[in-house]
Amino acid sequence: MKKNNILSIRKISIVAVAVFTLSACQKNLQENENYNRLNTETASKGTPPFAERYEQRDQMGRPAINTVFVGAMRKNEFNTTVPSQMDAAFRTEFVNKLNAFGYTTNILGLNADAFAGVLATDVLGASTTGVTTFFDGTNVLTGRALGDDVIDVELTLIFGGATGGSNPGLTSDNVNNNDKPFLASFPYMASPF
């Protein structure tokens, strides 16, 4: 009798696992159908795929800009503001911060208001026809190469004045290279170990 009870319990367990697996597969198929329908509908409206499924939590087109220029109470607002609306929403805060730093102009010849307009729209541009660099002395914000010393560029633009040479103690983080050479082929990033 005990042997029959154990076999019955095992059969019930196997059937329960099978039913659970089938229902999970059916749910997954329904989710995929909904996902495909959603992407088709949103694509026809011009909405990017995933827009209804995910929300943006952080934005950092240019490292340290949000960290330095946006107050703690407005971080989430900044992170979820559409780039085309950032300038209007945050320029004043950026100008005030630049003025607090004693900013007057930079090597690009931008006054505080003009430079705040560049900084407030926190997107990383990408040149498809020219040099891709954060700043190489000629090209400015045309993208970002792995070897670009982005923090030094930002510090120089903020504290370096009209020549880039003012306040030398504030224009570099003194980290001049990656700790390992970048790879010559994809994925280009250096090995973490």
Protein backbone atom coordinates (compact mmCIF):
# COMPACT_ATOMS: atom_id res chain seq x y z
CA MET A 1 0.00 0.00 0.00
CA LYS A 2 2.80 2.40 0.86
CA LYS A 3 4.46 1.77 -2.48
CA ASN A 4 1.23 2.62 -4.36
CA ASN A 5 0.81 5.85 -2.35
CA ILE A 6 4.38 6.92 -3.13
CA LEU A 7 3.86 6.18 -6.84
CA SER A 8 0.59 8.12 -6.81
CA ILE A 9 2.26 11.11 -5.15
CA ARG A 10 5.06 11.01 -7.71
CA LYS A 11 2.55 10.86 -10.59
CA ILE A 12 0.64 13.79 -9.14
CA SER A 13 3.90 15.72 -8.70
CA ILE A 14 4.93 15.01 -12.29
CA VAL A 15 1.52 16.08 -13.58
CA ALA A 16 1.62 19.25 -11.43
CA VAL A 17 5.10 20.17 -12.75
CA ALA A 18 3.95 19.53 -16.33
CA VAL A 19 0.84 21.69 -15.90
CA PHE A 20 2.89 24.47 -14.31
CA THR A 21 5.46 24.31 -17.12
CA LEU A 22 2.77 24.37 -19.82
CA SER A 23 0.99 27.32 -18.20
CA ALA A 24 4.28 29.19 -17.88
CA CYS A 25 5.04 28.52 -21.55
CA GLN A 26 1.53 29.67 -22.53
CA LYS A 27 1.96 32.87 -20.47
CA ASN A 28 5.33 33.47 -22.14
CA LEU A 29 3.76 33.02 -25.58
CA GLN A 30 1.00 35.50 -24.68
CA GLU A 31 3.57 38.00 -23.42
CA ASN A 32 5.54 37.63 -26.67
CA GLU A 33 2.38 38.17 -28.72
CA ASN A 34 1.55 41.27 -26.64
CA TYR A 35 5.15 42.48 -26.96
CA ASN A 36 5.12 42.06 -30.75
CA ARG A 37 1.72 43.79 -31.01
CA LEU A 38 2.93 46.62 -28.75
CA ASN A 39 6.11 47.15 -30.78
CA THR A 40 4.13 47.18 -34.04
CA GLU A 41 1.66 49.71 -32.64
CA THR A 42 4.27 51.99 -31.10
CA ALA A 43 6.50 51.86 -34.18
CA SER A 44 3.58 52.98 -36.33
CA LYS A 45 3.06 55.95 -33.95
CA GLY A 46 6.74 56.90 -34.07
CA THR A 47 7.27 55.83 -30.45
CA PRO A 48 10.51 53.95 -29.84
CA PRO A 49 10.16 50.25 -29.02
CA PHE A 50 10.17 49.48 -25.30
CA ALA A 51 8.80 52.95 -24.45
CA GLU A 52 5.77 51.46 -22.73
CA ARG A 53 7.78 48.70 -21.03
CA TYR A 54 10.74 50.60 -19.63
CA GLU A 55 11.39 54.01 -18.19
CA GLN A 56 14.60 55.98 -18.11
CA ARG A 57 16.17 56.25 -14.66
CA ASP A 58 19.52 57.87 -15.37
CA GLN A 59 20.99 60.06 -18.04
CA MET A 60 24.66 60.76 -18.46
CA GLY A 61 25.60 61.70 -21.99
CA ARG A 62 28.59 63.56 -20.65
CA PRO A 63 30.20 62.22 -17.48
CA ALA A 64 30.04 64.38 -14.34
CA ILE A 65 27.76 67.08 -15.78
CA ASN A 66 24.64 65.88 -13.98
CA THR A 67 26.70 65.08 -10.89
CA VAL A 68 28.21 68.56 -10.65
CA PHE A 69 25.55 70.89 -12.03
CA VAL A 70 22.21 69.45 -10.93
CA GLY A 71 21.16 69.78 -7.30
CA ALA A 72 20.17 66.67 -5.37
CA MET A 73 16.49 67.64 -5.29
CA ARG A 74 16.32 67.74 -9.11
CA LYS A 75 18.46 64.69 -10.06
CA ASN A 76 15.48 62.48 -10.89
CA GLU A 77 13.87 65.27 -12.86
CA PHE A 78 17.05 65.78 -14.88
CA ASN A 79 17.44 62.06 -15.49
CA THR A 80 13.96 61.77 -16.96
CA THR A 81 13.78 65.06 -18.88
CA VAL A 82 13.75 64.72 -22.66
CA PRO A 83 17.00 66.25 -24.01
CA SER A 84 15.13 68.77 -26.17
CA GLN A 85 13.60 70.20 -22.97
CA MET A 86 16.73 70.17 -20.79
CA ASP A 87 18.04 73.59 -21.75
CA ALA A 88 14.81 75.38 -20.81
CA ALA A 89 14.44 73.38 -17.61
CA PHE A 90 18.01 73.55 -16.31
CA ARG A 91 19.98 76.40 -17.94
CA THR A 92 19.43 78.81 -15.04
CA GLU A 93 20.70 76.24 -12.52
CA PHE A 94 23.77 75.62 -14.70
CA VAL A 95 24.48 79.36 -15.09
CA ASN A 96 24.22 79.84 -11.32
CA LYS A 97 26.65 76.99 -10.70
CA LEU A 98 29.13 78.34 -13.28
CA ASN A 99 28.92 81.79 -11.69
CA ALA A 100 29.50 80.24 -8.24
CA PHE A 101 32.68 78.67 -9.67
CA GLY A 102 33.85 82.15 -10.80
CA TYR A 103 33.42 81.24 -14.47
CA THR A 104 33.76 84.02 -17.06
CA THR A 105 34.63 82.34 -20.36
CA ASN A 106 36.46 79.31 -21.70
CA ILE A 107 38.74 78.28 -24.56
CA LEU A 108 35.66 78.02 -26.78
CA GLY A 109 34.87 81.69 -26.11
CA LEU A 110 31.54 80.85 -24.47
CA ASN A 111 30.15 83.06 -21.71
CA ALA A 112 28.29 81.46 -18.80
CA ASP A 113 24.88 81.57 -20.47
CA ALA A 114 26.08 80.08 -23.77
CA PHE A 115 28.18 77.41 -22.06
CA ALA A 116 25.28 76.49 -19.74
CA GLY A 117 23.17 75.95 -22.86
CA VAL A 118 25.75 73.50 -24.20
CA LEU A 119 26.05 71.68 -20.88
CA ALA A 120 22.37 71.54 -19.92
CA THR A 121 21.45 69.44 -22.94
CA ASP A 122 23.24 66.35 -21.70
CA VAL A 123 23.60 64.27 -24.83
CA LEU A 124 26.65 62.74 -26.40
CA GLY A 125 26.88 63.78 -30.02
CA ALA A 126 28.42 61.61 -32.68
CA SER A 127 30.04 62.84 -35.86
CA THR A 128 29.35 60.52 -38.76
CA THR A 129 31.56 62.40 -41.19
CA GLY A 130 34.48 63.77 -39.19
CA VAL A 131 36.65 63.18 -36.16
CA THR A 132 34.93 61.59 -33.19
CA THR A 133 36.27 63.24 -30.06
CA PHE A 134 35.18 64.97 -26.91
CA PHE A 135 37.72 67.71 -27.55
CA ASP A 136 41.02 67.58 -29.40
CA GLY A 137 41.85 71.28 -29.56
CA THR A 138 39.86 71.76 -32.79
CA ASN A 139 36.85 69.47 -32.72
CA VAL A 140 34.46 69.86 -29.80
CA LEU A 141 31.83 67.40 -28.61
CA THR A 142 31.71 65.47 -31.87
CA GLY A 143 31.53 62.22 -29.94
CA ARG A 144 33.80 60.43 -27.58
CA ALA A 145 36.77 58.21 -28.28
CA LEU A 146 37.81 55.71 -25.61
CA GLY A 147 41.10 57.51 -25.03
CA ASP A 148 39.53 60.96 -24.59
CA ASP A 149 40.28 62.39 -21.16
CA VAL A 150 36.72 63.60 -20.68
CA ILE A 151 37.05 64.80 -17.09
CA ASP A 152 40.15 66.88 -17.90
CA VAL A 153 38.32 68.41 -20.88
CA GLU A 154 35.32 69.30 -18.73
CA LEU A 155 37.52 70.73 -15.97
CA THR A 156 39.48 72.78 -18.52
CA LEU A 157 36.30 74.13 -20.09
CA ILE A 158 34.94 75.11 -16.68
CA PHE A 159 38.06 76.34 -14.85
CA GLY A 160 40.69 76.93 -17.56
CA GLY A 161 39.53 80.39 -18.63
CA ALA A 162 39.99 81.85 -22.12
CA THR A 163 43.35 80.13 -22.68
CA GLY A 164 42.65 76.85 -20.89
CA GLY A 165 45.66 77.57 -18.68
CA SER A 166 44.02 79.37 -15.77
CA ASN A 167 43.67 77.54 -12.48
CA PRO A 168 46.03 74.66 -13.35
CA GLY A 169 45.23 72.88 -10.10
CA LEU A 170 41.58 72.64 -11.15
CA THR A 171 41.92 71.61 -14.79
CA SER A 172 42.99 67.99 -14.37
CA ASP A 173 42.05 64.98 -12.31
CA ASN A 174 45.63 63.74 -12.90
CA VAL A 175 44.41 60.45 -14.37
CA ASN A 176 45.96 60.67 -17.80
CA ASN A 177 45.48 57.21 -19.31
CA ASN A 178 43.45 54.09 -18.91
CA ASP A 179 45.19 51.62 -16.62
CA LYS A 180 45.44 49.16 -19.53
CA PRO A 181 45.78 49.67 -23.29
CA PHE A 182 42.55 49.54 -25.27
CA LEU A 183 42.09 46.72 -27.76
CA ALA A 184 42.65 47.36 -31.48
CA SER A 185 39.46 45.51 -32.44
CA PHE A 186 35.95 45.04 -31.11
CA PRO A 187 34.99 45.31 -28.26
CA TYR A 188 37.89 47.83 -27.96
CA MET A 189 37.59 48.14 -24.18
CA ALA A 190 40.56 46.87 -22.20
CA SER A 191 40.26 43.62 -20.32
CA PRO A 192 39.08 44.26 -16.74
CA PHE A 193 41.77 41.96 -15.34
